[in-house]
Amino acid sequence: MILPPGVGGVVFGTRALGDGRSDPIVRSSVSAELGISKDWATISQVHGSRVVTVSGPGFYGEADALVTTSIGLPIAIATADCVPVVLLGKATRAVAHAGWRGVARGVVPAAVECMQALGDEPTTAILGPHIGACCYEVGREVIEEVGGFAARTRWGASSVDLGAAIRSQLPGVEVVDIGRCTHDDPSMASYREDGTRERQVTIVWIPRD
């Protein structure tokens, strides 16, 4: 697992850690290791822009971001090339699942708006492991949907930089990128690399102290 330095309550999982959203044994093991509740708030991700505000554990249906003000409540998503985006506020925390469709549909700004509706602002965003522009071959239509941010893969094909696109949607927010490409890193699940059905989880909570 990856713990961003200097930040409590944020964990980016790896392929080996497993998907605790659907596997209660994995969830219990991971929660015990992290010292958090084994009762998480989760969603069914659909590459959209719906955000849910949660105050307790459970399954919250189709959405692509969760926001909470509840201390100690783990909120979790899973990814396998899409960008896990963590937003840290003074009294709220959010986590968003942002593939190119989610970026184009504004899931990250929608999460920010939800935090603002709760009287808070994100001060820091952390972008977890995701497919880099180095490896994300896409067509021109994807670049146009995302709003630009064209790049080139290592092999010279057309690509898009999702991290840069997300940064552009977070004016005034400090953005930290973990800097690990899921396609290149064998410890990460990557759908583009091998069509895997595995996912790595991102778990976020507001620490009690």
N, C-alpha and C. Protein backbone atom coordinates (compact mmCIF):
# COMPACT_ATOMS: atom_id res chain seq x y z
N MET A 1 0.84 -1.19 0.00
CA MET A 1 0.00 0.00 0.00
C MET A 1 0.88 1.24 0.00
N ILE A 2 0.29 2.34 -0.49
CA ILE A 2 1.03 3.59 -0.61
C ILE A 2 0.38 4.61 0.32
N LEU A 3 1.19 5.15 1.25
CA LEU A 3 0.72 6.16 2.19
C LEU A 3 1.43 7.47 1.86
N PRO A 4 0.70 8.46 1.35
CA PRO A 4 1.35 9.73 1.03
C PRO A 4 2.02 10.32 2.27
N PRO A 5 3.27 10.73 2.15
CA PRO A 5 3.98 11.26 3.33
C PRO A 5 3.34 12.52 3.88
N GLY A 6 3.25 12.55 5.21
CA GLY A 6 2.74 13.74 5.87
C GLY A 6 1.22 13.88 5.85
N VAL A 7 0.53 12.88 5.34
CA VAL A 7 -0.94 12.95 5.25
C VAL A 7 -1.53 11.71 5.90
N GLY A 8 -2.33 11.87 6.93
CA GLY A 8 -3.00 10.74 7.54
C GLY A 8 -4.36 10.52 6.89
N GLY A 9 -4.83 9.30 6.95
CA GLY A 9 -6.17 9.00 6.46
C GLY A 9 -6.30 8.86 4.96
N VAL A 10 -5.19 8.57 4.27
CA VAL A 10 -5.23 8.34 2.83
C VAL A 10 -4.34 7.15 2.51
N VAL A 11 -4.93 6.15 1.86
CA VAL A 11 -4.17 4.95 1.46
C VAL A 11 -4.52 4.59 0.03
N PHE A 12 -3.50 4.45 -0.79
CA PHE A 12 -3.67 3.92 -2.15
C PHE A 12 -3.21 2.47 -2.13
N GLY A 13 -4.10 1.56 -2.48
CA GLY A 13 -3.78 0.15 -2.46
C GLY A 13 -3.02 -0.30 -3.70
N THR A 14 -2.61 -1.54 -3.67
CA THR A 14 -1.95 -2.18 -4.80
C THR A 14 -2.76 -3.40 -5.21
N ARG A 15 -2.35 -4.02 -6.31
CA ARG A 15 -3.03 -5.23 -6.77
C ARG A 15 -3.00 -6.30 -5.68
N ALA A 16 -1.87 -6.46 -5.02
CA ALA A 16 -1.71 -7.52 -4.02
C ALA A 16 -2.61 -7.29 -2.80
N LEU A 17 -2.93 -6.02 -2.52
CA LEU A 17 -3.76 -5.73 -1.35
C LEU A 17 -5.18 -6.26 -1.53
N GLY A 18 -5.64 -6.33 -2.79
CA GLY A 18 -6.99 -6.83 -3.05
C GLY A 18 -8.04 -5.75 -3.02
N ASP A 19 -9.26 -6.14 -3.34
CA ASP A 19 -10.39 -5.20 -3.41
C ASP A 19 -11.32 -5.43 -2.24
N GLY A 20 -11.11 -4.66 -1.19
CA GLY A 20 -11.90 -4.82 0.02
C GLY A 20 -13.34 -4.36 -0.09
N ARG A 21 -13.69 -3.74 -1.19
CA ARG A 21 -15.09 -3.33 -1.36
C ARG A 21 -15.99 -4.55 -1.44
N SER A 22 -15.54 -5.57 -2.15
CA SER A 22 -16.39 -6.73 -2.41
C SER A 22 -15.96 -7.98 -1.65
N ASP A 23 -14.78 -7.95 -1.06
CA ASP A 23 -14.26 -9.12 -0.35
C ASP A 23 -14.17 -8.78 1.14
N PRO A 24 -15.09 -9.29 1.96
CA PRO A 24 -15.11 -8.93 3.38
C PRO A 24 -13.87 -9.40 4.14
N ILE A 25 -13.26 -10.49 3.69
CA ILE A 25 -12.04 -10.96 4.36
C ILE A 25 -10.90 -9.97 4.13
N VAL A 26 -10.77 -9.54 2.88
CA VAL A 26 -9.75 -8.54 2.56
C VAL A 26 -10.04 -7.24 3.32
N ARG A 27 -11.30 -6.83 3.32
CA ARG A 27 -11.66 -5.58 4.00
C ARG A 27 -11.32 -5.64 5.48
N SER A 28 -11.63 -6.74 6.12
CA SER A 28 -11.33 -6.87 7.55
C SER A 28 -9.83 -6.84 7.80
N SER A 29 -9.07 -7.53 6.95
CA SER A 29 -7.62 -7.58 7.11
C SER A 29 -6.99 -6.21 6.91
N VAL A 30 -7.39 -5.52 5.85
CA VAL A 30 -6.84 -4.20 5.55
C VAL A 30 -7.22 -3.21 6.65
N SER A 31 -8.46 -3.28 7.09
CA SER A 31 -8.93 -2.36 8.12
C SER A 31 -8.19 -2.56 9.43
N ALA A 32 -7.95 -3.82 9.77
CA ALA A 32 -7.21 -4.10 10.99
C ALA A 32 -5.79 -3.57 10.90
N GLU A 33 -5.17 -3.72 9.74
CA GLU A 33 -3.80 -3.23 9.54
C GLU A 33 -3.73 -1.71 9.65
N LEU A 34 -4.77 -1.03 9.15
CA LEU A 34 -4.79 0.43 9.15
C LEU A 34 -5.36 1.02 10.44
N GLY A 35 -6.00 0.17 11.24
CA GLY A 35 -6.61 0.64 12.47
C GLY A 35 -7.87 1.45 12.23
N ILE A 36 -8.63 1.06 11.20
CA ILE A 36 -9.88 1.76 10.87
C ILE A 36 -11.06 0.80 10.94
N SER A 37 -12.26 1.33 10.83
CA SER A 37 -13.45 0.50 10.85
C SER A 37 -13.48 -0.41 9.62
N LYS A 38 -14.00 -1.61 9.79
CA LYS A 38 -14.17 -2.51 8.65
C LYS A 38 -15.47 -2.23 7.90
N ASP A 39 -16.22 -1.27 8.37
CA ASP A 39 -17.47 -0.88 7.73
C ASP A 39 -17.22 0.37 6.88
N TRP A 40 -17.14 0.17 5.56
CA TRP A 40 -16.80 1.24 4.63
C TRP A 40 -18.03 1.77 3.92
N ALA A 41 -17.92 2.95 3.37
CA ALA A 41 -18.92 3.49 2.44
C ALA A 41 -18.39 3.27 1.03
N THR A 42 -19.20 2.63 0.18
CA THR A 42 -18.76 2.30 -1.18
C THR A 42 -19.85 2.64 -2.19
N ILE A 43 -19.45 2.60 -3.47
CA ILE A 43 -20.37 2.92 -4.57
C ILE A 43 -20.10 1.97 -5.73
N SER A 44 -21.01 1.97 -6.69
CA SER A 44 -20.82 1.27 -7.96
C SER A 44 -20.44 2.33 -8.99
N GLN A 45 -19.22 2.28 -9.48
CA GLN A 45 -18.68 3.33 -10.33
C GLN A 45 -19.14 3.15 -11.78
N VAL A 46 -19.55 4.28 -12.38
CA VAL A 46 -20.16 4.21 -13.71
C VAL A 46 -19.59 5.24 -14.69
N HIS A 47 -18.45 5.83 -14.36
CA HIS A 47 -17.80 6.82 -15.24
C HIS A 47 -18.67 8.05 -15.47
N GLY A 48 -19.35 8.47 -14.42
CA GLY A 48 -20.20 9.65 -14.51
C GLY A 48 -19.70 10.75 -13.61
N SER A 49 -20.62 11.61 -13.15
CA SER A 49 -20.23 12.74 -12.30
C SER A 49 -21.06 12.83 -11.02
N ARG A 50 -21.83 11.78 -10.71
CA ARG A 50 -22.63 11.83 -9.49
C ARG A 50 -21.75 11.70 -8.26
N VAL A 51 -22.02 12.55 -7.28
CA VAL A 51 -21.29 12.56 -6.02
C VAL A 51 -22.29 12.28 -4.90
N VAL A 52 -21.91 11.43 -3.96
CA VAL A 52 -22.79 11.17 -2.81
C VAL A 52 -22.10 11.65 -1.53
N THR A 53 -22.89 12.31 -0.69
CA THR A 53 -22.42 12.70 0.63
C THR A 53 -22.85 11.63 1.61
N VAL A 54 -21.90 11.10 2.38
CA VAL A 54 -22.20 9.97 3.25
C VAL A 54 -21.81 10.29 4.68
N SER A 55 -22.62 9.77 5.60
CA SER A 55 -22.34 9.97 7.02
C SER A 55 -22.21 8.65 7.76
N GLY A 56 -22.39 7.54 7.03
CA GLY A 56 -22.26 6.23 7.64
C GLY A 56 -21.88 5.20 6.60
N PRO A 57 -21.49 4.01 7.03
CA PRO A 57 -21.07 2.97 6.10
C PRO A 57 -22.23 2.42 5.30
N GLY A 58 -21.89 1.73 4.21
CA GLY A 58 -22.91 1.09 3.39
C GLY A 58 -22.63 1.27 1.92
N PHE A 59 -23.51 0.71 1.11
CA PHE A 59 -23.39 0.81 -0.34
C PHE A 59 -24.35 1.89 -0.82
N TYR A 60 -23.83 2.84 -1.61
CA TYR A 60 -24.60 4.03 -1.98
C TYR A 60 -24.97 4.07 -3.46
N GLY A 61 -24.97 2.93 -4.12
CA GLY A 61 -25.46 2.87 -5.48
C GLY A 61 -24.49 3.42 -6.50
N GLU A 62 -25.03 3.82 -7.66
CA GLU A 62 -24.19 4.28 -8.76
C GLU A 62 -23.74 5.72 -8.54
N ALA A 63 -22.45 5.91 -8.54
CA ALA A 63 -21.85 7.23 -8.37
C ALA A 63 -20.37 7.09 -8.68
N ASP A 64 -19.66 8.22 -8.69
CA ASP A 64 -18.22 8.16 -8.94
C ASP A 64 -17.40 8.99 -7.97
N ALA A 65 -18.03 9.47 -6.91
CA ALA A 65 -17.29 10.17 -5.86
C ALA A 65 -18.08 10.12 -4.57
N LEU A 66 -17.35 10.13 -3.46
CA LEU A 66 -17.95 10.18 -2.14
C LEU A 66 -17.34 11.34 -1.36
N VAL A 67 -18.16 11.98 -0.54
CA VAL A 67 -17.72 13.06 0.32
C VAL A 67 -18.23 12.77 1.72
N THR A 68 -17.41 13.05 2.73
CA THR A 68 -17.86 12.84 4.10
C THR A 68 -17.32 13.90 5.03
N THR A 69 -18.06 14.14 6.11
CA THR A 69 -17.60 14.96 7.23
C THR A 69 -17.49 14.11 8.49
N SER A 70 -17.76 12.82 8.36
CA SER A 70 -17.80 11.93 9.53
C SER A 70 -16.41 11.43 9.88
N ILE A 71 -15.96 11.76 11.06
CA ILE A 71 -14.63 11.35 11.50
C ILE A 71 -14.57 9.83 11.61
N GLY A 72 -13.52 9.25 11.03
CA GLY A 72 -13.28 7.82 11.14
C GLY A 72 -14.00 6.95 10.14
N LEU A 73 -14.86 7.52 9.31
CA LEU A 73 -15.61 6.72 8.34
C LEU A 73 -14.77 6.49 7.08
N PRO A 74 -14.43 5.25 6.74
CA PRO A 74 -13.68 4.99 5.52
C PRO A 74 -14.59 5.08 4.29
N ILE A 75 -14.17 5.88 3.32
CA ILE A 75 -14.85 5.94 2.03
C ILE A 75 -13.89 5.38 0.99
N ALA A 76 -14.41 4.57 0.06
CA ALA A 76 -13.49 3.83 -0.81
C ALA A 76 -14.00 3.74 -2.24
N ILE A 77 -13.04 3.82 -3.16
CA ILE A 77 -13.29 3.54 -4.57
C ILE A 77 -12.23 2.55 -5.04
N ALA A 78 -12.35 2.10 -6.29
CA ALA A 78 -11.34 1.20 -6.85
C ALA A 78 -11.04 1.61 -8.28
N THR A 79 -9.81 1.37 -8.70
CA THR A 79 -9.36 1.78 -10.03
C THR A 79 -8.41 0.75 -10.63
N ALA A 80 -8.25 0.82 -11.95
CA ALA A 80 -7.27 -0.02 -12.64
C ALA A 80 -6.79 0.70 -13.89
N ASP A 81 -6.48 1.95 -13.79
CA ASP A 81 -5.92 2.88 -14.79
C ASP A 81 -6.52 4.26 -14.61
N CYS A 82 -7.81 4.34 -14.23
CA CYS A 82 -8.42 5.64 -13.97
C CYS A 82 -7.71 6.31 -12.79
N VAL A 83 -7.92 7.61 -12.64
CA VAL A 83 -7.24 8.37 -11.60
C VAL A 83 -8.06 8.38 -10.31
N PRO A 84 -7.50 7.88 -9.20
CA PRO A 84 -8.16 8.09 -7.91
C PRO A 84 -7.75 9.46 -7.39
N VAL A 85 -8.73 10.32 -7.17
CA VAL A 85 -8.47 11.70 -6.76
C VAL A 85 -8.97 11.88 -5.33
N VAL A 86 -8.07 12.24 -4.43
CA VAL A 86 -8.42 12.50 -3.04
C VAL A 86 -8.42 14.00 -2.82
N LEU A 87 -9.48 14.52 -2.23
CA LEU A 87 -9.59 15.95 -1.93
C LEU A 87 -9.64 16.13 -0.42
N LEU A 88 -8.74 16.96 0.09
CA LEU A 88 -8.63 17.18 1.52
C LEU A 88 -9.08 18.59 1.87
N GLY A 89 -10.07 18.70 2.74
CA GLY A 89 -10.52 19.98 3.25
C GLY A 89 -10.25 20.05 4.74
N LYS A 90 -10.69 21.13 5.37
CA LYS A 90 -10.51 21.27 6.81
C LYS A 90 -11.47 20.37 7.58
N ALA A 91 -12.69 20.20 7.06
CA ALA A 91 -13.70 19.42 7.78
C ALA A 91 -14.30 18.32 6.91
N THR A 92 -13.89 18.24 5.66
CA THR A 92 -14.43 17.22 4.75
C THR A 92 -13.30 16.53 4.02
N ARG A 93 -13.62 15.34 3.53
CA ARG A 93 -12.72 14.62 2.63
C ARG A 93 -13.56 13.98 1.53
N ALA A 94 -12.95 13.89 0.37
CA ALA A 94 -13.64 13.29 -0.77
C ALA A 94 -12.69 12.38 -1.52
N VAL A 95 -13.26 11.42 -2.23
CA VAL A 95 -12.49 10.58 -3.13
C VAL A 95 -13.30 10.38 -4.39
N ALA A 96 -12.65 10.55 -5.54
CA ALA A 96 -13.33 10.47 -6.83
C ALA A 96 -12.62 9.48 -7.75
N HIS A 97 -13.44 8.82 -8.57
CA HIS A 97 -12.96 7.91 -9.61
C HIS A 97 -13.02 8.67 -10.92
N ALA A 98 -11.85 8.98 -11.51
CA ALA A 98 -11.81 9.86 -12.67
C ALA A 98 -11.05 9.23 -13.83
N GLY A 99 -11.79 8.51 -14.68
CA GLY A 99 -11.26 8.10 -15.97
C GLY A 99 -11.49 9.24 -16.95
N TRP A 100 -11.24 9.00 -18.23
CA TRP A 100 -11.39 10.12 -19.16
C TRP A 100 -12.84 10.58 -19.24
N ARG A 101 -13.79 9.63 -19.12
CA ARG A 101 -15.20 10.03 -19.16
C ARG A 101 -15.57 10.86 -17.93
N GLY A 102 -15.09 10.43 -16.77
CA GLY A 102 -15.36 11.18 -15.55
C GLY A 102 -14.74 12.57 -15.58
N VAL A 103 -13.52 12.66 -16.12
CA VAL A 103 -12.88 13.97 -16.26
C VAL A 103 -13.71 14.85 -17.19
N ALA A 104 -14.12 14.29 -18.32
CA ALA A 104 -14.92 15.05 -19.29
C ALA A 104 -16.26 15.48 -18.71
N ARG A 105 -16.84 14.65 -17.86
CA ARG A 105 -18.15 14.95 -17.28
C ARG A 105 -18.07 15.76 -15.99
N GLY A 106 -16.85 16.02 -15.52
CA GLY A 106 -16.68 16.92 -14.39
C GLY A 106 -16.87 16.32 -13.02
N VAL A 107 -16.46 15.08 -12.82
CA VAL A 107 -16.67 14.46 -11.51
C VAL A 107 -15.84 15.14 -10.43
N VAL A 108 -14.64 15.61 -10.76
CA VAL A 108 -13.82 16.25 -9.74
C VAL A 108 -14.40 17.62 -9.35
N PRO A 109 -14.74 18.50 -10.29
CA PRO A 109 -15.41 19.75 -9.90
C PRO A 109 -16.72 19.50 -9.15
N ALA A 110 -17.43 18.43 -9.50
CA ALA A 110 -18.68 18.12 -8.79
C ALA A 110 -18.40 17.77 -7.34
N ALA A 111 -17.30 17.06 -7.08
CA ALA A 111 -16.92 16.74 -5.70
C ALA A 111 -16.53 18.00 -4.94
N VAL A 112 -15.83 18.91 -5.62
CA VAL A 112 -15.47 20.18 -5.00
C VAL A 112 -16.74 20.96 -4.63
N GLU A 113 -17.70 21.01 -5.54
CA GLU A 113 -18.95 21.72 -5.28
C GLU A 113 -19.69 21.12 -4.09
N CYS A 114 -19.61 19.81 -3.96
CA CYS A 114 -20.26 19.14 -2.83
C CYS A 114 -19.59 19.55 -1.52
N MET A 115 -18.26 19.62 -1.52
CA MET A 115 -17.53 20.06 -0.33
C MET A 115 -17.91 21.51 0.00
N GLN A 116 -18.01 22.34 -1.02
CA GLN A 116 -18.39 23.74 -0.80
C GLN A 116 -19.79 23.86 -0.24
N ALA A 117 -20.69 23.00 -0.69
CA ALA A 117 -22.06 23.02 -0.18
C ALA A 117 -22.11 22.67 1.30
N LEU A 118 -21.08 21.98 1.77
CA LEU A 118 -20.98 21.62 3.18
C LEU A 118 -20.19 22.66 3.96
N GLY A 119 -19.85 23.77 3.31
CA GLY A 119 -19.17 24.86 3.97
C GLY A 119 -17.66 24.73 4.03
N ASP A 120 -17.09 23.92 3.15
CA ASP A 120 -15.65 23.66 3.18
C ASP A 120 -15.06 23.88 1.79
N GLU A 121 -13.74 23.88 1.72
CA GLU A 121 -13.02 23.99 0.45
C GLU A 121 -11.88 22.98 0.46
N PRO A 122 -11.59 22.35 -0.67
CA PRO A 122 -10.39 21.51 -0.72
C PRO A 122 -9.14 22.37 -0.74
N THR A 123 -8.18 22.02 0.08
CA THR A 123 -6.91 22.73 0.09
C THR A 123 -5.83 21.95 -0.63
N THR A 124 -5.98 20.63 -0.65
CA THR A 124 -5.00 19.75 -1.29
C THR A 124 -5.71 18.64 -2.03
N ALA A 125 -5.18 18.28 -3.17
CA ALA A 125 -5.66 17.11 -3.92
C ALA A 125 -4.48 16.17 -4.13
N ILE A 126 -4.74 14.89 -4.00
CA ILE A 126 -3.70 13.89 -4.24
C ILE A 126 -4.19 12.97 -5.35
N LEU A 127 -3.39 12.86 -6.41
CA LEU A 127 -3.70 11.96 -7.52
C LEU A 127 -2.94 10.66 -7.30
N GLY A 128 -3.69 9.57 -7.14
CA GLY A 128 -3.06 8.29 -6.90
C GLY A 128 -2.56 7.64 -8.18
N PRO A 129 -2.04 6.42 -8.08
CA PRO A 129 -1.52 5.72 -9.25
C PRO A 129 -2.57 5.61 -10.35
N HIS A 130 -2.18 5.95 -11.57
CA HIS A 130 -3.08 5.89 -12.71
C HIS A 130 -2.25 5.76 -13.98
N ILE A 131 -2.88 5.45 -15.08
CA ILE A 131 -2.14 5.31 -16.32
C ILE A 131 -1.61 6.68 -16.75
N GLY A 132 -0.33 6.71 -17.06
CA GLY A 132 0.30 7.97 -17.43
C GLY A 132 0.13 8.26 -18.91
N ALA A 133 0.39 9.52 -19.26
CA ALA A 133 0.36 9.90 -20.68
C ALA A 133 1.37 9.10 -21.48
N CYS A 134 2.38 8.57 -20.79
CA CYS A 134 3.41 7.76 -21.45
C CYS A 134 2.84 6.49 -22.08
N CYS A 135 1.68 6.05 -21.59
CA CYS A 135 1.16 4.74 -21.99
C CYS A 135 -0.31 4.74 -22.39
N TYR A 136 -0.95 5.89 -22.36
CA TYR A 136 -2.41 5.94 -22.54
C TYR A 136 -2.76 6.33 -23.97
N GLU A 137 -2.71 5.38 -24.85
CA GLU A 137 -3.01 5.65 -26.26
C GLU A 137 -4.51 5.83 -26.45
N VAL A 138 -4.90 6.98 -27.01
CA VAL A 138 -6.31 7.29 -27.24
C VAL A 138 -6.47 7.97 -28.59
N GLY A 139 -7.70 8.03 -29.05
CA GLY A 139 -8.01 8.73 -30.29
C GLY A 139 -8.25 10.20 -30.06
N ARG A 140 -8.32 10.94 -31.16
CA ARG A 140 -8.55 12.38 -31.10
C ARG A 140 -9.85 12.72 -30.39
N GLU A 141 -10.87 11.86 -30.51
CA GLU A 141 -12.16 12.17 -29.91
C GLU A 141 -12.08 12.21 -28.38
N VAL A 142 -11.22 11.36 -27.80
CA VAL A 142 -11.05 11.38 -26.35
C VAL A 142 -10.38 12.68 -25.91
N ILE A 143 -9.36 13.08 -26.63
CA ILE A 143 -8.67 14.33 -26.31
C ILE A 143 -9.63 15.50 -26.36
N GLU A 144 -10.48 15.51 -27.36
CA GLU A 144 -11.46 16.59 -27.49
C GLU A 144 -12.47 16.56 -26.34
N GLU A 145 -12.93 15.37 -25.96
CA GLU A 145 -13.90 15.27 -24.86
C GLU A 145 -13.30 15.78 -23.55
N VAL A 146 -12.04 15.45 -23.32
CA VAL A 146 -11.36 15.85 -22.09
C VAL A 146 -11.06 17.35 -22.09
N GLY A 147 -11.00 17.94 -23.26
CA GLY A 147 -10.74 19.37 -23.35
C GLY A 147 -9.31 19.71 -23.70
N GLY A 148 -8.63 18.77 -24.35
CA GLY A 148 -7.24 18.99 -24.74
C GLY A 148 -6.30 18.10 -23.96
N PHE A 149 -5.15 18.66 -23.58
CA PHE A 149 -4.14 17.95 -22.80
C PHE A 149 -3.56 16.77 -23.58
N ALA A 150 -3.38 17.00 -24.88
CA ALA A 150 -2.80 15.97 -25.74
C ALA A 150 -1.35 15.72 -25.37
N ALA A 151 -0.94 14.49 -25.54
CA ALA A 151 0.44 14.09 -25.27
C ALA A 151 0.80 12.99 -26.26
N ARG A 152 1.97 12.39 -26.04
CA ARG A 152 2.43 11.27 -26.87
C ARG A 152 2.90 10.14 -25.97
N THR A 153 2.57 8.93 -26.37
CA THR A 153 3.08 7.77 -25.65
C THR A 153 4.57 7.60 -25.96
N ARG A 154 5.21 6.70 -25.26
CA ARG A 154 6.62 6.41 -25.51
C ARG A 154 6.85 5.91 -26.93
N TRP A 155 5.81 5.29 -27.50
CA TRP A 155 5.95 4.74 -28.85
C TRP A 155 5.43 5.70 -29.92
N GLY A 156 5.10 6.94 -29.50
CA GLY A 156 4.76 7.98 -30.46
C GLY A 156 3.30 8.10 -30.83
N ALA A 157 2.42 7.35 -30.16
CA ALA A 157 1.00 7.42 -30.48
C ALA A 157 0.34 8.58 -29.73
N SER A 158 -0.83 8.97 -30.21
CA SER A 158 -1.59 10.03 -29.58
C SER A 158 -2.03 9.60 -28.18
N SER A 159 -1.92 10.51 -27.22
CA SER A 159 -2.23 10.20 -25.82
C SER A 159 -2.91 11.40 -25.18
N VAL A 160 -3.38 11.21 -23.96
CA VAL A 160 -3.96 12.33 -23.20
C VAL A 160 -3.41 12.26 -21.78
N ASP A 161 -3.15 13.41 -21.20
CA ASP A 161 -2.62 13.52 -19.86
C ASP A 161 -3.76 13.80 -18.89
N LEU A 162 -4.28 12.75 -18.27
CA LEU A 162 -5.42 12.92 -17.36
C LEU A 162 -5.04 13.73 -16.13
N GLY A 163 -3.82 13.54 -15.65
CA GLY A 163 -3.39 14.30 -14.48
C GLY A 163 -3.41 15.79 -14.75
N ALA A 164 -2.92 16.20 -15.92
CA ALA A 164 -2.92 17.62 -16.27
C ALA A 164 -4.34 18.15 -16.42
N ALA A 165 -5.23 17.33 -16.99
CA ALA A 165 -6.62 17.74 -17.14
C ALA A 165 -7.27 17.97 -15.78
N ILE A 166 -6.99 17.10 -14.84
CA ILE A 166 -7.57 17.24 -13.50
C ILE A 166 -6.99 18.46 -12.79
N ARG A 167 -5.70 18.70 -12.94
CA ARG A 167 -5.10 19.89 -12.35
C ARG A 167 -5.81 21.16 -12.82
N SER A 168 -6.17 21.18 -14.10
CA SER A 168 -6.82 22.37 -14.65
C SER A 168 -8.20 22.59 -14.05
N GLN A 169 -8.79 21.54 -13.48
CA GLN A 169 -10.11 21.64 -12.87
C GLN A 169 -10.06 22.00 -11.40
N LEU A 170 -8.84 22.21 -10.88
CA LEU A 170 -8.66 22.48 -9.46
C LEU A 170 -7.86 23.76 -9.24
N PRO A 171 -8.33 24.88 -9.76
CA PRO A 171 -7.60 26.13 -9.58
C PRO A 171 -7.50 26.51 -8.10
N GLY A 172 -6.30 26.92 -7.70
CA GLY A 172 -6.11 27.33 -6.31
C GLY A 172 -5.89 26.20 -5.34
N VAL A 173 -5.92 24.97 -5.82
CA VAL A 173 -5.73 23.79 -4.95
C VAL A 173 -4.34 23.21 -5.20
N GLU A 174 -3.61 22.94 -4.14
CA GLU A 174 -2.33 22.26 -4.28
C GLU A 174 -2.58 20.83 -4.74
N VAL A 175 -1.96 20.43 -5.84
CA VAL A 175 -2.17 19.09 -6.38
C VAL A 175 -0.86 18.31 -6.31
N VAL A 176 -0.93 17.15 -5.66
CA VAL A 176 0.22 16.27 -5.52
C VAL A 176 -0.06 14.99 -6.31
N ASP A 177 0.85 14.61 -7.18
CA ASP A 177 0.70 13.39 -7.97
C ASP A 177 1.66 12.33 -7.43
N ILE A 178 1.11 11.18 -7.06
CA ILE A 178 1.95 10.09 -6.55
C ILE A 178 2.98 9.66 -7.58
N GLY A 179 2.64 9.83 -8.87
CA GLY A 179 3.62 9.62 -9.92
C GLY A 179 3.93 8.17 -10.26
N ARG A 180 2.95 7.31 -10.14
CA ARG A 180 3.15 5.90 -10.52
C ARG A 180 2.16 5.53 -11.60
N CYS A 181 2.70 5.05 -12.72
CA CYS A 181 1.87 4.66 -13.86
C CYS A 181 1.42 3.22 -13.70
N THR A 182 0.13 3.00 -13.66
CA THR A 182 -0.39 1.64 -13.46
C THR A 182 0.00 0.70 -14.60
N HIS A 183 0.12 1.24 -15.80
CA HIS A 183 0.49 0.41 -16.95
C HIS A 183 1.91 -0.12 -16.83
N ASP A 184 2.80 0.70 -16.25
CA ASP A 184 4.22 0.34 -16.16
C ASP A 184 4.57 -0.39 -14.87
N ASP A 185 3.77 -0.22 -13.85
CA ASP A 185 4.10 -0.75 -12.52
C ASP A 185 3.42 -2.10 -12.32
N PRO A 186 4.18 -3.20 -12.26
CA PRO A 186 3.57 -4.53 -12.13
C PRO A 186 2.84 -4.75 -10.80
N SER A 187 3.07 -3.88 -9.83
CA SER A 187 2.36 -4.03 -8.56
C SER A 187 0.94 -3.47 -8.63
N MET A 188 0.61 -2.83 -9.76
CA MET A 188 -0.70 -2.22 -9.93
C MET A 188 -1.54 -2.96 -10.97
N ALA A 189 -2.82 -3.04 -10.72
CA ALA A 189 -3.74 -3.59 -11.72
C ALA A 189 -3.91 -2.56 -12.84
N SER A 190 -3.80 -3.02 -14.09
CA SER A 190 -3.96 -2.14 -15.24
C SER A 190 -4.81 -2.83 -16.30
N TYR A 191 -5.99 -2.28 -16.54
CA TYR A 191 -6.87 -2.85 -17.55
C TYR A 191 -6.25 -2.72 -18.94
N ARG A 192 -5.59 -1.60 -19.20
CA ARG A 192 -4.97 -1.40 -20.50
C ARG A 192 -3.81 -2.37 -20.74
N GLU A 193 -3.15 -2.75 -19.69
CA GLU A 193 -2.00 -3.64 -19.83
C GLU A 193 -2.41 -5.07 -20.14
N ASP A 194 -3.40 -5.61 -19.42
CA ASP A 194 -3.71 -7.03 -19.59
C ASP A 194 -5.20 -7.37 -19.49
N GLY A 195 -6.07 -6.36 -19.51
CA GLY A 195 -7.50 -6.63 -19.46
C GLY A 195 -7.99 -7.17 -18.14
N THR A 196 -7.23 -6.98 -17.07
CA THR A 196 -7.56 -7.55 -15.77
C THR A 196 -8.91 -7.07 -15.24
N ARG A 197 -9.54 -7.92 -14.46
CA ARG A 197 -10.75 -7.54 -13.73
C ARG A 197 -10.40 -7.13 -12.30
N GLU A 198 -9.12 -7.24 -11.94
CA GLU A 198 -8.68 -6.83 -10.62
C GLU A 198 -8.69 -5.30 -10.51
N ARG A 199 -8.83 -4.83 -9.29
CA ARG A 199 -8.79 -3.40 -9.01
C ARG A 199 -8.00 -3.16 -7.73
N GLN A 200 -7.39 -1.97 -7.64
CA GLN A 200 -6.80 -1.56 -6.37
C GLN A 200 -7.68 -0.49 -5.74
N VAL A 201 -7.77 -0.55 -4.44
CA VAL A 201 -8.66 0.38 -3.74
C VAL A 201 -7.92 1.63 -3.28
N THR A 202 -8.68 2.70 -3.19
CA THR A 202 -8.22 3.91 -2.50
C THR A 202 -9.16 4.12 -1.33
N ILE A 203 -8.59 4.24 -0.14
CA ILE A 203 -9.38 4.37 1.09
C ILE A 203 -9.04 5.71 1.74
N VAL A 204 -10.07 6.45 2.10
CA VAL A 204 -9.89 7.79 2.68
C VAL A 204 -10.76 7.90 3.92
N TRP A 205 -10.24 8.55 4.95
CA TRP A 205 -11.05 8.80 6.14
C TRP A 205 -10.49 10.04 6.85
N ILE A 206 -11.30 10.62 7.71
CA ILE A 206 -10.85 11.75 8.53
C ILE A 206 -10.31 11.18 9.83
N PRO A 207 -9.02 11.33 10.08
CA PRO A 207 -8.45 10.75 11.32
C PRO A 207 -9.09 11.34 12.57
N ARG A 208 -9.08 10.54 13.62
CA ARG A 208 -9.70 10.97 14.87
C ARG A 208 -8.83 11.96 15.65
N ASP A 209 -7.55 12.00 15.36
CA ASP A 209 -6.69 12.95 16.08
C ASP A 209 -5.82 13.72 15.10
